């Protein structure tokens, strides 16, 4: 974000990370979106995916019918749904 500002660029910034600082950046609009890989990388089996959904709010695929596998995009539209988990350090 600082390098975009320093360069006088209009580039949009995205990331493959998610933590409480990034939640704030997505909410504030300085990060366009984050690819949340945790549901894919740590949701080994269907039962584990369901457990992650229940205990950590992991939803992959987004939309109205989420797919409980694969990475998900975190944007301003859905960042609040993962904010409490990022604050706890589990996302």
N, C-alpha and C. Protein backbone atom coordinates (compact mmCIF):
# COMPACT_ATOMS: atom_id res chain seq x y z
N UNK A 1 0.83 -1.18 0.00
CA UNK A 1 0.00 0.00 0.00
C UNK A 1 0.88 1.25 0.00
N UNK A 2 1.92 1.24 0.83
CA UNK A 2 2.82 2.39 0.88
C UNK A 2 3.54 2.56 -0.45
N UNK A 3 3.96 1.44 -1.07
CA UNK A 3 4.68 1.55 -2.33
C UNK A 3 3.79 2.09 -3.44
N UNK A 4 2.50 1.77 -3.42
CA UNK A 4 1.57 2.33 -4.40
C UNK A 4 1.48 3.84 -4.22
N UNK A 5 1.38 4.27 -2.97
CA UNK A 5 1.32 5.70 -2.67
C UNK A 5 2.62 6.39 -3.07
N UNK A 6 3.75 5.79 -2.71
CA UNK A 6 5.06 6.38 -3.02
C UNK A 6 5.28 6.52 -4.52
N UNK A 7 4.73 5.58 -5.30
CA UNK A 7 4.89 5.60 -6.75
C UNK A 7 3.88 6.52 -7.43
N UNK A 8 2.93 7.04 -6.66
CA UNK A 8 1.88 7.86 -7.26
C UNK A 8 0.99 7.04 -8.18
N UNK A 9 0.88 5.77 -7.88
CA UNK A 9 0.13 4.83 -8.72
C UNK A 9 -1.34 4.75 -8.31
N UNK A 10 -2.16 4.29 -9.24
CA UNK A 10 -3.56 4.02 -8.95
C UNK A 10 -3.82 2.51 -8.88
N UNK A 11 -2.75 1.75 -8.70
CA UNK A 11 -2.86 0.28 -8.65
C UNK A 11 -3.75 -0.14 -7.48
N UNK A 12 -4.47 -1.23 -7.67
CA UNK A 12 -5.27 -1.84 -6.62
C UNK A 12 -4.44 -2.95 -5.99
N UNK A 13 -4.53 -3.10 -4.67
CA UNK A 13 -3.72 -4.08 -3.96
C UNK A 13 -4.63 -5.20 -3.46
N UNK A 14 -4.17 -6.44 -3.65
CA UNK A 14 -4.86 -7.63 -3.14
C UNK A 14 -3.80 -8.51 -2.50
N UNK A 15 -4.24 -9.54 -1.76
CA UNK A 15 -3.27 -10.37 -1.04
C UNK A 15 -3.76 -11.80 -0.90
N UNK A 16 -2.85 -12.69 -0.57
CA UNK A 16 -3.15 -14.08 -0.23
C UNK A 16 -2.88 -14.28 1.25
N UNK A 17 -3.40 -13.39 2.07
CA UNK A 17 -3.18 -13.44 3.50
C UNK A 17 -4.47 -12.98 4.16
N UNK A 18 -4.63 -13.29 5.44
CA UNK A 18 -5.78 -12.79 6.18
C UNK A 18 -5.44 -12.78 7.66
N UNK A 19 -5.52 -11.62 8.26
CA UNK A 19 -5.33 -11.46 9.69
C UNK A 19 -6.09 -10.21 10.11
N UNK A 20 -6.03 -9.85 11.38
CA UNK A 20 -6.86 -8.74 11.84
C UNK A 20 -6.46 -7.41 11.20
N UNK A 21 -5.20 -7.20 10.89
CA UNK A 21 -4.79 -5.97 10.22
C UNK A 21 -5.36 -5.90 8.80
N UNK A 22 -5.34 -7.04 8.12
CA UNK A 22 -5.87 -7.06 6.76
C UNK A 22 -7.38 -6.90 6.73
N UNK A 23 -8.08 -7.42 7.74
CA UNK A 23 -9.52 -7.19 7.83
C UNK A 23 -9.79 -5.69 7.84
N UNK A 24 -9.04 -4.96 8.65
CA UNK A 24 -9.20 -3.50 8.71
C UNK A 24 -8.88 -2.83 7.39
N UNK A 25 -7.85 -3.33 6.69
CA UNK A 25 -7.48 -2.76 5.39
C UNK A 25 -8.56 -3.01 4.34
N UNK A 26 -9.17 -4.20 4.35
CA UNK A 26 -10.27 -4.49 3.42
C UNK A 26 -11.48 -3.62 3.77
N UNK A 27 -11.80 -3.54 5.06
CA UNK A 27 -12.92 -2.71 5.49
C UNK A 27 -12.70 -1.25 5.11
N UNK A 28 -11.46 -0.77 5.23
CA UNK A 28 -11.15 0.61 4.91
C UNK A 28 -10.94 0.89 3.43
N UNK A 29 -10.82 -0.16 2.63
CA UNK A 29 -10.68 0.01 1.19
C UNK A 29 -9.26 0.14 0.68
N UNK A 30 -8.25 0.05 1.55
CA UNK A 30 -6.88 0.15 1.06
C UNK A 30 -6.39 -1.16 0.46
N UNK A 31 -7.04 -2.28 0.80
CA UNK A 31 -6.80 -3.57 0.15
C UNK A 31 -8.10 -3.93 -0.57
N UNK A 32 -8.01 -4.23 -1.86
CA UNK A 32 -9.19 -4.51 -2.67
C UNK A 32 -9.88 -5.80 -2.23
N UNK A 33 -9.09 -6.88 -2.06
CA UNK A 33 -9.63 -8.15 -1.58
C UNK A 33 -8.49 -9.02 -1.09
N UNK A 34 -8.85 -10.05 -0.32
CA UNK A 34 -7.89 -11.04 0.14
C UNK A 34 -8.40 -12.42 -0.27
N UNK A 35 -7.51 -13.26 -0.75
CA UNK A 35 -7.85 -14.64 -1.05
C UNK A 35 -7.60 -15.43 0.23
N UNK A 36 -8.67 -15.95 0.81
CA UNK A 36 -8.59 -16.69 2.06
C UNK A 36 -8.38 -18.16 1.74
N UNK A 37 -7.13 -18.61 1.83
CA UNK A 37 -6.77 -19.98 1.47
C UNK A 37 -7.06 -21.00 2.56
N UNK A 38 -7.30 -20.53 3.79
CA UNK A 38 -7.45 -21.45 4.91
C UNK A 38 -8.54 -22.50 4.69
N UNK A 39 -9.71 -22.14 4.16
CA UNK A 39 -10.71 -23.19 3.97
C UNK A 39 -10.23 -24.32 3.05
N UNK A 40 -9.39 -23.98 2.07
CA UNK A 40 -8.88 -24.98 1.15
C UNK A 40 -7.71 -25.75 1.75
N UNK A 41 -6.75 -25.03 2.29
CA UNK A 41 -5.53 -25.67 2.78
C UNK A 41 -5.73 -26.45 4.07
N UNK A 42 -6.69 -26.03 4.90
CA UNK A 42 -6.86 -26.69 6.19
C UNK A 42 -8.20 -27.40 6.32
N UNK A 43 -9.02 -27.41 5.28
CA UNK A 43 -10.31 -28.11 5.33
C UNK A 43 -10.17 -29.46 4.65
N UNK A 44 -9.39 -30.36 5.25
CA UNK A 44 -8.98 -31.61 4.62
C UNK A 44 -10.13 -32.47 4.13
N UNK A 45 -11.11 -32.69 4.93
CA UNK A 45 -12.21 -33.57 4.57
C UNK A 45 -13.53 -32.87 4.81
N UNK A 46 -14.60 -33.45 4.34
CA UNK A 46 -15.91 -32.82 4.50
C UNK A 46 -16.24 -32.55 5.97
N UNK A 47 -15.92 -33.47 6.86
CA UNK A 47 -16.21 -33.27 8.28
C UNK A 47 -15.38 -32.11 8.82
N UNK A 48 -14.12 -32.05 8.43
CA UNK A 48 -13.27 -30.95 8.87
C UNK A 48 -13.79 -29.62 8.32
N UNK A 49 -14.26 -29.61 7.08
CA UNK A 49 -14.82 -28.40 6.49
C UNK A 49 -16.04 -27.94 7.27
N UNK A 50 -16.89 -28.86 7.65
CA UNK A 50 -18.06 -28.50 8.45
C UNK A 50 -17.65 -27.96 9.82
N UNK A 51 -16.63 -28.57 10.42
CA UNK A 51 -16.13 -28.10 11.71
C UNK A 51 -15.57 -26.68 11.58
N UNK A 52 -14.79 -26.43 10.52
CA UNK A 52 -14.24 -25.10 10.29
C UNK A 52 -15.35 -24.08 10.07
N UNK A 53 -16.39 -24.47 9.37
CA UNK A 53 -17.53 -23.56 9.17
C UNK A 53 -18.17 -23.21 10.50
N UNK A 54 -18.39 -24.21 11.32
CA UNK A 54 -19.08 -24.02 12.60
C UNK A 54 -18.22 -23.23 13.60
N UNK A 55 -16.93 -23.54 13.68
CA UNK A 55 -16.09 -22.92 14.72
C UNK A 55 -15.30 -21.71 14.25
N UNK A 56 -15.15 -21.54 12.93
CA UNK A 56 -14.30 -20.47 12.43
C UNK A 56 -14.94 -19.66 11.31
N UNK A 57 -16.19 -19.99 10.94
CA UNK A 57 -16.88 -19.23 9.91
C UNK A 57 -16.32 -19.38 8.52
N UNK A 58 -15.51 -20.44 8.27
CA UNK A 58 -14.95 -20.64 6.94
C UNK A 58 -16.06 -20.99 5.95
N UNK A 59 -16.16 -20.22 4.89
CA UNK A 59 -17.08 -20.51 3.80
C UNK A 59 -16.30 -20.29 2.52
N UNK A 60 -16.20 -21.29 1.69
CA UNK A 60 -15.47 -21.18 0.44
C UNK A 60 -16.43 -21.05 -0.72
N UNK A 61 -16.02 -20.33 -1.71
CA UNK A 61 -16.84 -20.19 -2.91
C UNK A 61 -17.75 -18.99 -2.86
N UNK A 62 -18.21 -18.60 -1.68
CA UNK A 62 -19.05 -17.42 -1.54
C UNK A 62 -20.40 -17.58 -2.20
N UNK A 63 -21.05 -16.47 -2.47
CA UNK A 63 -22.35 -16.49 -3.12
C UNK A 63 -23.45 -16.96 -2.19
N UNK A 64 -24.58 -17.32 -2.77
CA UNK A 64 -25.71 -17.74 -1.96
C UNK A 64 -25.67 -19.21 -1.60
N UNK A 65 -24.90 -20.01 -2.33
CA UNK A 65 -24.76 -21.44 -2.02
C UNK A 65 -23.28 -21.75 -1.92
N UNK A 66 -22.66 -21.48 -0.77
CA UNK A 66 -21.21 -21.67 -0.65
C UNK A 66 -20.78 -23.11 -0.85
N UNK A 67 -19.58 -23.26 -1.38
CA UNK A 67 -18.95 -24.56 -1.53
C UNK A 67 -17.95 -24.67 -0.40
N UNK A 68 -18.06 -25.71 0.42
CA UNK A 68 -17.21 -25.81 1.60
C UNK A 68 -15.86 -26.44 1.29
N UNK A 69 -15.25 -26.04 0.17
CA UNK A 69 -13.91 -26.42 -0.18
C UNK A 69 -13.34 -25.37 -1.12
N UNK A 70 -12.03 -25.25 -1.19
CA UNK A 70 -11.39 -24.28 -2.06
C UNK A 70 -11.24 -22.93 -1.39
N UNK A 71 -10.39 -22.05 -1.95
CA UNK A 71 -10.19 -20.73 -1.36
C UNK A 71 -11.40 -19.84 -1.55
N UNK A 72 -11.49 -18.78 -0.77
CA UNK A 72 -12.60 -17.83 -0.86
C UNK A 72 -12.03 -16.42 -0.96
N UNK A 73 -12.79 -15.52 -1.54
CA UNK A 73 -12.41 -14.12 -1.61
C UNK A 73 -13.05 -13.37 -0.46
N UNK A 74 -12.26 -12.55 0.21
CA UNK A 74 -12.76 -11.69 1.27
C UNK A 74 -12.74 -10.27 0.73
N UNK A 75 -13.92 -9.66 0.64
CA UNK A 75 -14.07 -8.30 0.11
C UNK A 75 -14.80 -7.44 1.13
N UNK A 76 -15.02 -6.18 0.78
CA UNK A 76 -15.78 -5.30 1.66
C UNK A 76 -17.18 -5.86 1.93
N UNK A 77 -17.72 -6.61 0.97
CA UNK A 77 -19.08 -7.15 1.10
C UNK A 77 -19.20 -8.22 2.17
N UNK A 78 -18.11 -8.98 2.43
CA UNK A 78 -18.21 -10.09 3.37
C UNK A 78 -17.15 -10.09 4.46
N UNK A 79 -16.30 -9.07 4.52
CA UNK A 79 -15.19 -9.05 5.47
C UNK A 79 -15.66 -9.09 6.92
N UNK A 80 -16.81 -8.52 7.21
CA UNK A 80 -17.30 -8.52 8.60
C UNK A 80 -17.57 -9.94 9.10
N UNK A 81 -17.87 -10.87 8.18
CA UNK A 81 -18.18 -12.23 8.61
C UNK A 81 -16.94 -13.00 9.09
N UNK A 82 -15.74 -12.52 8.76
CA UNK A 82 -14.52 -13.18 9.22
C UNK A 82 -13.74 -12.34 10.23
N UNK A 83 -14.18 -11.13 10.49
CA UNK A 83 -13.43 -10.20 11.35
C UNK A 83 -13.19 -10.76 12.74
N UNK A 84 -14.21 -11.36 13.37
CA UNK A 84 -14.04 -11.87 14.73
C UNK A 84 -13.03 -13.02 14.77
N UNK A 85 -12.99 -13.82 13.72
CA UNK A 85 -12.04 -14.95 13.68
C UNK A 85 -10.61 -14.44 13.44
N UNK A 86 -10.46 -13.41 12.62
CA UNK A 86 -9.14 -12.82 12.42
C UNK A 86 -8.66 -12.16 13.70
N UNK A 87 -9.56 -11.53 14.43
CA UNK A 87 -9.20 -10.91 15.71
C UNK A 87 -8.69 -11.95 16.70
N UNK A 88 -9.31 -13.15 16.69
CA UNK A 88 -8.88 -14.24 17.58
C UNK A 88 -7.59 -14.88 17.11
N UNK A 89 -7.19 -14.61 15.85
CA UNK A 89 -5.98 -15.20 15.32
C UNK A 89 -6.17 -16.56 14.70
N UNK A 90 -7.42 -16.98 14.48
CA UNK A 90 -7.66 -18.28 13.86
C UNK A 90 -7.82 -18.19 12.36
N UNK A 91 -7.90 -16.98 11.81
CA UNK A 91 -7.99 -16.81 10.36
C UNK A 91 -6.81 -16.02 9.88
